């Protein structure tokens, strides 16, 4: 997921979901969500 924060910065993270955990949904496996980028393009490149 590539996302926009309320601060105006962009970020991304990698997520996984497992069929046996259907009630829990997606969870982070990349742990990249704290990194901040000035644009969508910069976040996508990273």
ModelCIF file with pLDDT and N, C-alpha, C, O atoms, coordinates in Angstrom:
data_MODEL
#
_entry.id   MODEL 
#
_entity.id                         1 
_entity.type                       polymer 
_entity.pdbx_number_of_molecules   1 
#
_entity_poly.entity_id                      1 
_entity_poly.type                           'polypeptide(L)' 
_entity_poly.nstd_linkage                   no 
_entity_poly.nstd_monomer                   no 
_entity_poly.pdbx_seq_one_letter_code       
;(UNK)(UNK)(UNK)(UNK)(UNK)(UNK)(UNK)(UNK)(UNK)(UNK)(UNK)(UNK)(UNK)(UNK)(UNK)(UNK)
(UNK)(UNK)(UNK)(UNK)(UNK)(UNK)(UNK)(UNK)(UNK)(UNK)(UNK)(UNK)(UNK)(UNK)(UNK)(UNK)
(UNK)(UNK)(UNK)(UNK)(UNK)(UNK)(UNK)(UNK)(UNK)(UNK)(UNK)(UNK)(UNK)(UNK)
;
_entity_poly.pdbx_seq_one_letter_code_can   XXXXXXXXXXXXXXXXXXXXXXXXXXXXXXXXXXXXXXXXXXXXXX 
_entity_poly.pdbx_strand_id                 A 
#
loop_
_entity_poly_seq.entity_id 
_entity_poly_seq.num 
_entity_poly_seq.mon_id 
_entity_poly_seq.hetero 
1 1  UNK n 
1 2  UNK n 
1 3  UNK n 
1 4  UNK n 
1 5  UNK n 
1 6  UNK n 
1 7  UNK n 
1 8  UNK n 
1 9  UNK n 
1 10 UNK n 
1 11 UNK n 
1 12 UNK n 
1 13 UNK n 
1 14 UNK n 
1 15 UNK n 
1 16 UNK n 
1 17 UNK n 
1 18 UNK n 
1 19 UNK n 
1 20 UNK n 
1 21 UNK n 
1 22 UNK n 
1 23 UNK n 
1 24 UNK n 
1 25 UNK n 
1 26 UNK n 
1 27 UNK n 
1 28 UNK n 
1 29 UNK n 
1 30 UNK n 
1 31 UNK n 
1 32 UNK n 
1 33 UNK n 
1 34 UNK n 
1 35 UNK n 
1 36 UNK n 
1 37 UNK n 
1 38 UNK n 
1 39 UNK n 
1 40 UNK n 
1 41 UNK n 
1 42 UNK n 
1 43 UNK n 
1 44 UNK n 
1 45 UNK n 
1 46 UNK n 
#
_struct_asym.id          A 
_struct_asym.entity_id   1 
#
loop_
_ma_qa_metric.id 
_ma_qa_metric.mode 
_ma_qa_metric.name 
_ma_qa_metric.software_group_id 
_ma_qa_metric.type 
1 global pLDDT . pLDDT 
2 local  pLDDT . pLDDT 
#
_ma_qa_metric_global.metric_id      1 
_ma_qa_metric_global.metric_value   90.78 
_ma_qa_metric_global.model_id       1 
_ma_qa_metric_global.ordinal_id     1 
#
loop_
_ma_qa_metric_local.label_asym_id 
_ma_qa_metric_local.label_comp_id 
_ma_qa_metric_local.label_seq_id 
_ma_qa_metric_local.metric_id 
_ma_qa_metric_local.metric_value 
_ma_qa_metric_local.model_id 
_ma_qa_metric_local.ordinal_id 
A UNK 1  2 96.00 1 1  
A UNK 2  2 97.00 1 2  
A UNK 3  2 97.00 1 3  
A UNK 4  2 97.00 1 4  
A UNK 5  2 96.00 1 5  
A UNK 6  2 94.00 1 6  
A UNK 7  2 95.00 1 7  
A UNK 8  2 96.00 1 8  
A UNK 9  2 97.00 1 9  
A UNK 10 2 98.00 1 10 
A UNK 11 2 97.00 1 11 
A UNK 12 2 97.00 1 12 
A UNK 13 2 96.00 1 13 
A UNK 14 2 96.00 1 14 
A UNK 15 2 94.00 1 15 
A UNK 16 2 92.00 1 16 
A UNK 17 2 87.00 1 17 
A UNK 18 2 81.00 1 18 
A UNK 19 2 74.00 1 19 
A UNK 20 2 73.00 1 20 
A UNK 21 2 67.00 1 21 
A UNK 22 2 63.00 1 22 
A UNK 23 2 66.00 1 23 
A UNK 24 2 73.00 1 24 
A UNK 25 2 78.00 1 25 
A UNK 26 2 84.00 1 26 
A UNK 27 2 84.00 1 27 
A UNK 28 2 89.00 1 28 
A UNK 29 2 91.00 1 29 
A UNK 30 2 88.00 1 30 
A UNK 31 2 91.00 1 31 
A UNK 32 2 93.00 1 32 
A UNK 33 2 92.00 1 33 
A UNK 34 2 94.00 1 34 
A UNK 35 2 96.00 1 35 
A UNK 36 2 97.00 1 36 
A UNK 37 2 98.00 1 37 
A UNK 38 2 98.00 1 38 
A UNK 39 2 98.00 1 39 
A UNK 40 2 98.00 1 40 
A UNK 41 2 98.00 1 41 
A UNK 42 2 98.00 1 42 
A UNK 43 2 98.00 1 43 
A UNK 44 2 98.00 1 44 
A UNK 45 2 98.00 1 45 
A UNK 46 2 98.00 1 46 
#
loop_
_atom_site.group_PDB 
_atom_site.id 
_atom_site.type_symbol 
_atom_site.label_atom_id 
_atom_site.label_alt_id 
_atom_site.label_comp_id 
_atom_site.label_asym_id 
_atom_site.label_entity_id 
_atom_site.label_seq_id 
_atom_site.pdbx_PDB_ins_code 
_atom_site.Cartn_x 
_atom_site.Cartn_y 
_atom_site.Cartn_z 
_atom_site.occupancy 
_atom_site.B_iso_or_equiv 
_atom_site.pdbx_formal_charge 
_atom_site.auth_seq_id 
_atom_site.auth_comp_id 
_atom_site.auth_asym_id 
_atom_site.auth_atom_id 
_atom_site.pdbx_PDB_model_num 
ATOM 1   N N  . UNK A 1 1  ? 0.851   -1.188  0.000  1.00 96.00 ? 1  UNK A N  1 
ATOM 2   C CA . UNK A 1 1  ? 0.000   0.000   0.000  1.00 96.00 ? 1  UNK A CA 1 
ATOM 3   C C  . UNK A 1 1  ? 0.885   1.235   0.000  1.00 96.00 ? 1  UNK A C  1 
ATOM 4   O O  . UNK A 1 1  ? 1.837   1.328   0.776  1.00 96.00 ? 1  UNK A O  1 
ATOM 5   N N  . UNK A 1 2  ? 0.569   2.177   -0.869 1.00 97.00 ? 2  UNK A N  1 
ATOM 6   C CA . UNK A 1 2  ? 1.203   3.489   -0.881 1.00 97.00 ? 2  UNK A CA 1 
ATOM 7   C C  . UNK A 1 2  ? 0.159   4.459   -0.350 1.00 97.00 ? 2  UNK A C  1 
ATOM 8   O O  . UNK A 1 2  ? -0.977  4.475   -0.824 1.00 97.00 ? 2  UNK A O  1 
ATOM 9   N N  . UNK A 1 3  ? 0.540   5.262   0.627  1.00 97.00 ? 3  UNK A N  1 
ATOM 10  C CA . UNK A 1 3  ? -0.453  6.063   1.320  1.00 97.00 ? 3  UNK A CA 1 
ATOM 11  C C  . UNK A 1 3  ? 0.016   7.499   1.558  1.00 97.00 ? 3  UNK A C  1 
ATOM 12  O O  . UNK A 1 3  ? 1.205   7.812   1.506  1.00 97.00 ? 3  UNK A O  1 
ATOM 13  N N  . UNK A 1 4  ? -0.966  8.350   1.821  1.00 97.00 ? 4  UNK A N  1 
ATOM 14  C CA . UNK A 1 4  ? -0.765  9.759   2.155  1.00 97.00 ? 4  UNK A CA 1 
ATOM 15  C C  . UNK A 1 4  ? -1.146  9.959   3.608  1.00 97.00 ? 4  UNK A C  1 
ATOM 16  O O  . UNK A 1 4  ? -2.222  9.552   4.044  1.00 97.00 ? 4  UNK A O  1 
ATOM 17  N N  . UNK A 1 5  ? -0.244  10.594  4.357  1.00 96.00 ? 5  UNK A N  1 
ATOM 18  C CA . UNK A 1 5  ? -0.519  10.906  5.761  1.00 96.00 ? 5  UNK A CA 1 
ATOM 19  C C  . UNK A 1 5  ? -1.200  12.269  5.869  1.00 96.00 ? 5  UNK A C  1 
ATOM 20  O O  . UNK A 1 5  ? -1.165  13.066  4.931  1.00 96.00 ? 5  UNK A O  1 
ATOM 21  N N  . UNK A 1 6  ? -1.811  12.525  7.002  1.00 94.00 ? 6  UNK A N  1 
ATOM 22  C CA . UNK A 1 6  ? -2.449  13.831  7.221  1.00 94.00 ? 6  UNK A CA 1 
ATOM 23  C C  . UNK A 1 6  ? -1.410  14.952  7.237  1.00 94.00 ? 6  UNK A C  1 
ATOM 24  O O  . UNK A 1 6  ? -1.757  16.113  7.022  1.00 94.00 ? 6  UNK A O  1 
ATOM 25  N N  . UNK A 1 7  ? -0.137  14.620  7.488  1.00 95.00 ? 7  UNK A N  1 
ATOM 26  C CA . UNK A 1 7  ? 0.940   15.621  7.485  1.00 95.00 ? 7  UNK A CA 1 
ATOM 27  C C  . UNK A 1 7  ? 1.317   16.048  6.073  1.00 95.00 ? 7  UNK A C  1 
ATOM 28  O O  . UNK A 1 7  ? 2.026   17.038  5.891  1.00 95.00 ? 7  UNK A O  1 
ATOM 29  N N  . UNK A 1 8  ? 0.844   15.304  5.068  1.00 96.00 ? 8  UNK A N  1 
ATOM 30  C CA . UNK A 1 8  ? 1.186   15.602  3.679  1.00 96.00 ? 8  UNK A CA 1 
ATOM 31  C C  . UNK A 1 8  ? 2.333   14.759  3.149  1.00 96.00 ? 8  UNK A C  1 
ATOM 32  O O  . UNK A 1 8  ? 2.651   14.828  1.961  1.00 96.00 ? 8  UNK A O  1 
ATOM 33  N N  . UNK A 1 9  ? 2.958   13.967  4.004  1.00 97.00 ? 9  UNK A N  1 
ATOM 34  C CA . UNK A 1 9  ? 4.027   13.085  3.541  1.00 97.00 ? 9  UNK A CA 1 
ATOM 35  C C  . UNK A 1 9  ? 3.417   11.772  3.055  1.00 97.00 ? 9  UNK A C  1 
ATOM 36  O O  . UNK A 1 9  ? 2.273   11.443  3.368  1.00 97.00 ? 9  UNK A O  1 
ATOM 37  N N  . UNK A 1 10 ? 4.203   11.039  2.288  1.00 98.00 ? 10 UNK A N  1 
ATOM 38  C CA . UNK A 1 10 ? 3.772   9.763   1.734  1.00 98.00 ? 10 UNK A CA 1 
ATOM 39  C C  . UNK A 1 10 ? 4.572   8.635   2.356  1.00 98.00 ? 10 UNK A C  1 
ATOM 40  O O  . UNK A 1 10 ? 5.658   8.851   2.894  1.00 98.00 ? 10 UNK A O  1 
ATOM 41  N N  . UNK A 1 11 ? 4.029   7.438   2.277  1.00 97.00 ? 11 UNK A N  1 
ATOM 42  C CA . UNK A 1 11 ? 4.716   6.269   2.789  1.00 97.00 ? 11 UNK A CA 1 
ATOM 43  C C  . UNK A 1 11 ? 4.222   5.024   2.093  1.00 97.00 ? 11 UNK A C  1 
ATOM 44  O O  . UNK A 1 11 ? 3.330   5.075   1.246  1.00 97.00 ? 11 UNK A O  1 
ATOM 45  N N  . UNK A 1 12 ? 4.821   3.897   2.465  1.00 97.00 ? 12 UNK A N  1 
ATOM 46  C CA . UNK A 1 12 ? 4.395   2.610   1.931  1.00 97.00 ? 12 UNK A CA 1 
ATOM 47  C C  . UNK A 1 12 ? 4.665   1.529   2.960  1.00 97.00 ? 12 UNK A C  1 
ATOM 48  O O  . UNK A 1 12 ? 5.469   1.708   3.874  1.00 97.00 ? 12 UNK A O  1 
ATOM 49  N N  . UNK A 1 13 ? 3.986   0.411   2.800  1.00 96.00 ? 13 UNK A N  1 
ATOM 50  C CA . UNK A 1 13 ? 4.274   -0.757  3.602  1.00 96.00 ? 13 UNK A CA 1 
ATOM 51  C C  . UNK A 1 13 ? 3.822   -1.992  2.849  1.00 96.00 ? 13 UNK A C  1 
ATOM 52  O O  . UNK A 1 13 ? 2.960   -1.917  1.973  1.00 96.00 ? 13 UNK A O  1 
ATOM 53  N N  . UNK A 1 14 ? 4.407   -3.125  3.193  1.00 96.00 ? 14 UNK A N  1 
ATOM 54  C CA . UNK A 1 14 ? 4.059   -4.410  2.604  1.00 96.00 ? 14 UNK A CA 1 
ATOM 55  C C  . UNK A 1 14 ? 3.222   -5.189  3.619  1.00 96.00 ? 14 UNK A C  1 
ATOM 56  O O  . UNK A 1 14 ? 3.559   -5.249  4.801  1.00 96.00 ? 14 UNK A O  1 
ATOM 57  N N  . UNK A 1 15 ? 2.139   -5.778  3.145  1.00 94.00 ? 15 UNK A N  1 
ATOM 58  C CA . UNK A 1 15 ? 1.195   -6.484  4.007  1.00 94.00 ? 15 UNK A CA 1 
ATOM 59  C C  . UNK A 1 15 ? 0.944   -7.898  3.504  1.00 94.00 ? 15 UNK A C  1 
ATOM 60  O O  . UNK A 1 15 ? 1.172   -8.212  2.336  1.00 94.00 ? 15 UNK A O  1 
ATOM 61  N N  . UNK A 1 16 ? 0.469   -8.740  4.413  1.00 92.00 ? 16 UNK A N  1 
ATOM 62  C CA . UNK A 1 16 ? 0.120   -10.124 4.102  1.00 92.00 ? 16 UNK A CA 1 
ATOM 63  C C  . UNK A 1 16 ? -1.196  -10.472 4.791  1.00 92.00 ? 16 UNK A C  1 
ATOM 64  O O  . UNK A 1 16 ? -1.519  -9.937  5.852  1.00 92.00 ? 16 UNK A O  1 
ATOM 65  N N  . UNK A 1 17 ? -1.945  -11.375 4.171  1.00 87.00 ? 17 UNK A N  1 
ATOM 66  C CA . UNK A 1 17 ? -3.113  -11.959 4.823  1.00 87.00 ? 17 UNK A CA 1 
ATOM 67  C C  . UNK A 1 17 ? -3.093  -13.452 4.544  1.00 87.00 ? 17 UNK A C  1 
ATOM 68  O O  . UNK A 1 17 ? -2.662  -13.895 3.479  1.00 87.00 ? 17 UNK A O  1 
ATOM 69  N N  . UNK A 1 18 ? -3.556  -14.207 5.498  1.00 81.00 ? 18 UNK A N  1 
ATOM 70  C CA . UNK A 1 18 ? -3.575  -15.654 5.378  1.00 81.00 ? 18 UNK A CA 1 
ATOM 71  C C  . UNK A 1 18 ? -5.014  -16.137 5.391  1.00 81.00 ? 18 UNK A C  1 
ATOM 72  O O  . UNK A 1 18 ? -5.816  -15.654 6.192  1.00 81.00 ? 18 UNK A O  1 
ATOM 73  N N  . UNK A 1 19 ? -5.361  -17.082 4.520  1.00 74.00 ? 19 UNK A N  1 
ATOM 74  C CA . UNK A 1 19 ? -6.756  -17.556 4.447  1.00 74.00 ? 19 UNK A CA 1 
ATOM 75  C C  . UNK A 1 19 ? -7.277  -18.064 5.785  1.00 74.00 ? 19 UNK A C  1 
ATOM 76  O O  . UNK A 1 19 ? -8.448  -17.866 6.108  1.00 74.00 ? 19 UNK A O  1 
ATOM 77  N N  . UNK A 1 20 ? -6.423  -18.714 6.564  1.00 73.00 ? 20 UNK A N  1 
ATOM 78  C CA . UNK A 1 20 ? -6.873  -19.256 7.847  1.00 73.00 ? 20 UNK A CA 1 
ATOM 79  C C  . UNK A 1 20 ? -7.107  -18.165 8.898  1.00 73.00 ? 20 UNK A C  1 
ATOM 80  O O  . UNK A 1 20 ? -7.708  -18.426 9.940  1.00 73.00 ? 20 UNK A O  1 
ATOM 81  N N  . UNK A 1 21 ? -6.636  -16.955 8.627  1.00 67.00 ? 21 UNK A N  1 
ATOM 82  C CA . UNK A 1 21 ? -6.832  -15.825 9.540  1.00 67.00 ? 21 UNK A CA 1 
ATOM 83  C C  . UNK A 1 21 ? -7.805  -14.810 8.955  1.00 67.00 ? 21 UNK A C  1 
ATOM 84  O O  . UNK A 1 21 ? -7.610  -13.605 9.111  1.00 67.00 ? 21 UNK A O  1 
ATOM 85  N N  . UNK A 1 22 ? -8.843  -15.279 8.288  1.00 63.00 ? 22 UNK A N  1 
ATOM 86  C CA . UNK A 1 22 ? -9.747  -14.397 7.553  1.00 63.00 ? 22 UNK A CA 1 
ATOM 87  C C  . UNK A 1 22 ? -10.364 -13.303 8.420  1.00 63.00 ? 22 UNK A C  1 
ATOM 88  O O  . UNK A 1 22 ? -10.693 -12.234 7.906  1.00 63.00 ? 22 UNK A O  1 
ATOM 89  N N  . UNK A 1 23 ? -10.524 -13.534 9.685  1.00 66.00 ? 23 UNK A N  1 
ATOM 90  C CA . UNK A 1 23 ? -11.115 -12.526 10.550 1.00 66.00 ? 23 UNK A CA 1 
ATOM 91  C C  . UNK A 1 23 ? -10.161 -11.414 10.952 1.00 66.00 ? 23 UNK A C  1 
ATOM 92  O O  . UNK A 1 23 ? -10.597 -10.366 11.430 1.00 66.00 ? 23 UNK A O  1 
ATOM 93  N N  . UNK A 1 24 ? -8.887  -11.625 10.766 1.00 73.00 ? 24 UNK A N  1 
ATOM 94  C CA . UNK A 1 24 ? -7.893  -10.635 11.206 1.00 73.00 ? 24 UNK A CA 1 
ATOM 95  C C  . UNK A 1 24 ? -7.463  -9.672  10.126 1.00 73.00 ? 24 UNK A C  1 
ATOM 96  O O  . UNK A 1 24 ? -6.979  -8.584  10.439 1.00 73.00 ? 24 UNK A O  1 
ATOM 97  N N  . UNK A 1 25 ? -7.621  -10.029 8.869  1.00 78.00 ? 25 UNK A N  1 
ATOM 98  C CA . UNK A 1 25 ? -7.262  -9.135  7.779  1.00 78.00 ? 25 UNK A CA 1 
ATOM 99  C C  . UNK A 1 25 ? -5.768  -9.083  7.513  1.00 78.00 ? 25 UNK A C  1 
ATOM 100 O O  . UNK A 1 25 ? -5.041  -10.048 7.747  1.00 78.00 ? 25 UNK A O  1 
ATOM 101 N N  . UNK A 1 26 ? -5.329  -7.934  7.019  1.00 84.00 ? 26 UNK A N  1 
ATOM 102 C CA . UNK A 1 26 ? -3.944  -7.724  6.593  1.00 84.00 ? 26 UNK A CA 1 
ATOM 103 C C  . UNK A 1 26 ? -3.066  -7.344  7.781  1.00 84.00 ? 26 UNK A C  1 
ATOM 104 O O  . UNK A 1 26 ? -3.526  -6.677  8.708  1.00 84.00 ? 26 UNK A O  1 
ATOM 105 N N  . UNK A 1 27 ? -1.809  -7.766  7.753  1.00 84.00 ? 27 UNK A N  1 
ATOM 106 C CA . UNK A 1 27 ? -0.845  -7.338  8.766  1.00 84.00 ? 27 UNK A CA 1 
ATOM 107 C C  . UNK A 1 27 ? 0.497   -7.027  8.088  1.00 84.00 ? 27 UNK A C  1 
ATOM 108 O O  . UNK A 1 27 ? 0.840   -7.620  7.066  1.00 84.00 ? 27 UNK A O  1 
ATOM 109 N N  . UNK A 1 28 ? 1.234   -6.104  8.664  1.00 89.00 ? 28 UNK A N  1 
ATOM 110 C CA . UNK A 1 28 ? 2.498   -5.653  8.089  1.00 89.00 ? 28 UNK A CA 1 
ATOM 111 C C  . UNK A 1 28 ? 3.549   -6.746  8.173  1.00 89.00 ? 28 UNK A C  1 
ATOM 112 O O  . UNK A 1 28 ? 3.756   -7.359  9.221  1.00 89.00 ? 28 UNK A O  1 
ATOM 113 N N  . UNK A 1 29 ? 4.208   -6.973  7.045  1.00 91.00 ? 29 UNK A N  1 
ATOM 114 C CA . UNK A 1 29 ? 5.361   -7.867  7.035  1.00 91.00 ? 29 UNK A CA 1 
ATOM 115 C C  . UNK A 1 29 ? 6.625   -7.111  6.629  1.00 91.00 ? 29 UNK A C  1 
ATOM 116 O O  . UNK A 1 29 ? 7.735   -7.626  6.769  1.00 91.00 ? 29 UNK A O  1 
ATOM 117 N N  . UNK A 1 30 ? 6.453   -5.902  6.133  1.00 88.00 ? 30 UNK A N  1 
ATOM 118 C CA . UNK A 1 30 ? 7.599   -5.116  5.678  1.00 88.00 ? 30 UNK A CA 1 
ATOM 119 C C  . UNK A 1 30 ? 8.109   -4.159  6.731  1.00 88.00 ? 30 UNK A C  1 
ATOM 120 O O  . UNK A 1 30 ? 9.304   -3.878  6.816  1.00 88.00 ? 30 UNK A O  1 
ATOM 121 N N  . UNK A 1 31 ? 7.180   -3.663  7.534  1.00 91.00 ? 31 UNK A N  1 
ATOM 122 C CA . UNK A 1 31 ? 7.507   -2.695  8.590  1.00 91.00 ? 31 UNK A CA 1 
ATOM 123 C C  . UNK A 1 31 ? 8.251   -1.471  8.045  1.00 91.00 ? 31 UNK A C  1 
ATOM 124 O O  . UNK A 1 31 ? 9.228   -1.006  8.631  1.00 91.00 ? 31 UNK A O  1 
ATOM 125 N N  . UNK A 1 32 ? 7.756   -0.960  6.897  1.00 93.00 ? 32 UNK A N  1 
ATOM 126 C CA . UNK A 1 32 ? 8.341   0.220   6.271  1.00 93.00 ? 32 UNK A CA 1 
ATOM 127 C C  . UNK A 1 32 ? 7.467   1.458   6.474  1.00 93.00 ? 32 UNK A C  1 
ATOM 128 O O  . UNK A 1 32 ? 7.793   2.532   5.968  1.00 93.00 ? 32 UNK A O  1 
ATOM 129 N N  . UNK A 1 33 ? 6.379   1.322   7.197  1.00 92.00 ? 33 UNK A N  1 
ATOM 130 C CA . UNK A 1 33 ? 5.376   2.372   7.301  1.00 92.00 ? 33 UNK A CA 1 
ATOM 131 C C  . UNK A 1 33 ? 5.828   3.669   7.943  1.00 92.00 ? 33 UNK A C  1 
ATOM 132 O O  . UNK A 1 33 ? 5.165   4.691   7.771  1.00 92.00 ? 33 UNK A O  1 
ATOM 133 N N  . UNK A 1 34 ? 6.923   3.667   8.668  1.00 94.00 ? 34 UNK A N  1 
ATOM 134 C CA . UNK A 1 34 ? 7.378   4.884   9.335  1.00 94.00 ? 34 UNK A CA 1 
ATOM 135 C C  . UNK A 1 34 ? 8.198   5.798   8.421  1.00 94.00 ? 34 UNK A C  1 
ATOM 136 O O  . UNK A 1 34 ? 8.352   6.984   8.710  1.00 94.00 ? 34 UNK A O  1 
ATOM 137 N N  . UNK A 1 35 ? 8.721   5.257   7.331  1.00 96.00 ? 35 UNK A N  1 
ATOM 138 C CA . UNK A 1 35 ? 9.532   6.065   6.408  1.00 96.00 ? 35 UNK A CA 1 
ATOM 139 C C  . UNK A 1 35 ? 8.648   7.112   5.739  1.00 96.00 ? 35 UNK A C  1 
ATOM 140 O O  . UNK A 1 35 ? 7.516   6.821   5.354  1.00 96.00 ? 35 UNK A O  1 
ATOM 141 N N  . UNK A 1 36 ? 9.162   8.320   5.603  1.00 97.00 ? 36 UNK A N  1 
ATOM 142 C CA . UNK A 1 36 ? 8.393   9.423   5.019  1.00 97.00 ? 36 UNK A CA 1 
ATOM 143 C C  . UNK A 1 36 ? 9.045   9.901   3.733  1.00 97.00 ? 36 UNK A C  1 
ATOM 144 O O  . UNK A 1 36 ? 10.269  9.977   3.627  1.00 97.00 ? 36 UNK A O  1 
ATOM 145 N N  . UNK A 1 37 ? 8.192   10.227  2.747  1.00 98.00 ? 37 UNK A N  1 
ATOM 146 C CA . UNK A 1 37 ? 8.656   10.678  1.438  1.00 98.00 ? 37 UNK A CA 1 
ATOM 147 C C  . UNK A 1 37 ? 7.873   11.921  1.042  1.00 98.00 ? 37 UNK A C  1 
ATOM 148 O O  . UNK A 1 37 ? 6.710   12.065  1.417  1.00 98.00 ? 37 UNK A O  1 
ATOM 149 N N  . UNK A 1 38 ? 8.506   12.828  0.280  1.00 98.00 ? 38 UNK A N  1 
ATOM 150 C CA . UNK A 1 38 ? 7.844   14.095  -0.054 1.00 98.00 ? 38 UNK A CA 1 
ATOM 151 C C  . UNK A 1 38 ? 6.781   13.987  -1.141 1.00 98.00 ? 38 UNK A C  1 
ATOM 152 O O  . UNK A 1 38 ? 5.971   14.899  -1.308 1.00 98.00 ? 38 UNK A O  1 
ATOM 153 N N  . UNK A 1 39 ? 6.777   12.871  -1.885 1.00 98.00 ? 39 UNK A N  1 
ATOM 154 C CA . UNK A 1 39 ? 5.815   12.721  -2.974 1.00 98.00 ? 39 UNK A CA 1 
ATOM 155 C C  . UNK A 1 39 ? 5.425   11.251  -3.143 1.00 98.00 ? 39 UNK A C  1 
ATOM 156 O O  . UNK A 1 39 ? 6.106   10.347  -2.659 1.00 98.00 ? 39 UNK A O  1 
ATOM 157 N N  . UNK A 1 40 ? 4.321   11.047  -3.837 1.00 98.00 ? 40 UNK A N  1 
ATOM 158 C CA . UNK A 1 40 ? 3.891   9.690   -4.166 1.00 98.00 ? 40 UNK A CA 1 
ATOM 159 C C  . UNK A 1 40 ? 4.959   8.988   -4.992 1.00 98.00 ? 40 UNK A C  1 
ATOM 160 O O  . UNK A 1 40 ? 5.267   7.820   -4.756 1.00 98.00 ? 40 UNK A O  1 
ATOM 161 N N  . UNK A 1 41 ? 5.520   9.701   -5.957 1.00 98.00 ? 41 UNK A N  1 
ATOM 162 C CA . UNK A 1 41 ? 6.529   9.123   -6.844 1.00 98.00 ? 41 UNK A CA 1 
ATOM 163 C C  . UNK A 1 41 ? 7.761   8.669   -6.067 1.00 98.00 ? 41 UNK A C  1 
ATOM 164 O O  . UNK A 1 41 ? 8.322   7.613   -6.360 1.00 98.00 ? 41 UNK A O  1 
ATOM 165 N N  . UNK A 1 42 ? 8.183   9.455   -5.084 1.00 98.00 ? 42 UNK A N  1 
ATOM 166 C CA . UNK A 1 42 ? 9.335   9.086   -4.259 1.00 98.00 ? 42 UNK A CA 1 
ATOM 167 C C  . UNK A 1 42 ? 9.033   7.855   -3.414 1.00 98.00 ? 42 UNK A C  1 
ATOM 168 O O  . UNK A 1 42 ? 9.890   6.988   -3.248 1.00 98.00 ? 42 UNK A O  1 
ATOM 169 N N  . UNK A 1 43 ? 7.815   7.776   -2.881 1.00 98.00 ? 43 UNK A N  1 
ATOM 170 C CA . UNK A 1 43 ? 7.420   6.602   -2.095 1.00 98.00 ? 43 UNK A CA 1 
ATOM 171 C C  . UNK A 1 43 ? 7.362   5.366   -2.976 1.00 98.00 ? 43 UNK A C  1 
ATOM 172 O O  . UNK A 1 43 ? 7.798   4.293   -2.559 1.00 98.00 ? 43 UNK A O  1 
ATOM 173 N N  . UNK A 1 44 ? 6.834   5.493   -4.181 1.00 98.00 ? 44 UNK A N  1 
ATOM 174 C CA . UNK A 1 44 ? 6.756   4.362   -5.106 1.00 98.00 ? 44 UNK A CA 1 
ATOM 175 C C  . UNK A 1 44 ? 8.151   3.895   -5.506 1.00 98.00 ? 44 UNK A C  1 
ATOM 176 O O  . UNK A 1 44 ? 8.407   2.692   -5.551 1.00 98.00 ? 44 UNK A O  1 
ATOM 177 N N  . UNK A 1 45 ? 9.055   4.824   -5.797 1.00 98.00 ? 45 UNK A N  1 
ATOM 178 C CA . UNK A 1 45 ? 10.428  4.455   -6.149 1.00 98.00 ? 45 UNK A CA 1 
ATOM 179 C C  . UNK A 1 45 ? 11.108  3.720   -5.000 1.00 98.00 ? 45 UNK A C  1 
ATOM 180 O O  . UNK A 1 45 ? 11.785  2.716   -5.220 1.00 98.00 ? 45 UNK A O  1 
ATOM 181 N N  . UNK A 1 46 ? 10.933  4.213   -3.782 1.00 98.00 ? 46 UNK A N  1 
ATOM 182 C CA . UNK A 1 46 ? 11.526  3.554   -2.613 1.00 98.00 ? 46 UNK A CA 1 
ATOM 183 C C  . UNK A 1 46 ? 10.929  2.168   -2.409 1.00 98.00 ? 46 UNK A C  1 
ATOM 184 O O  . UNK A 1 46 ? 11.308  1.465   -1.472 1.00 98.00 ? 46 UNK A O  1 
#
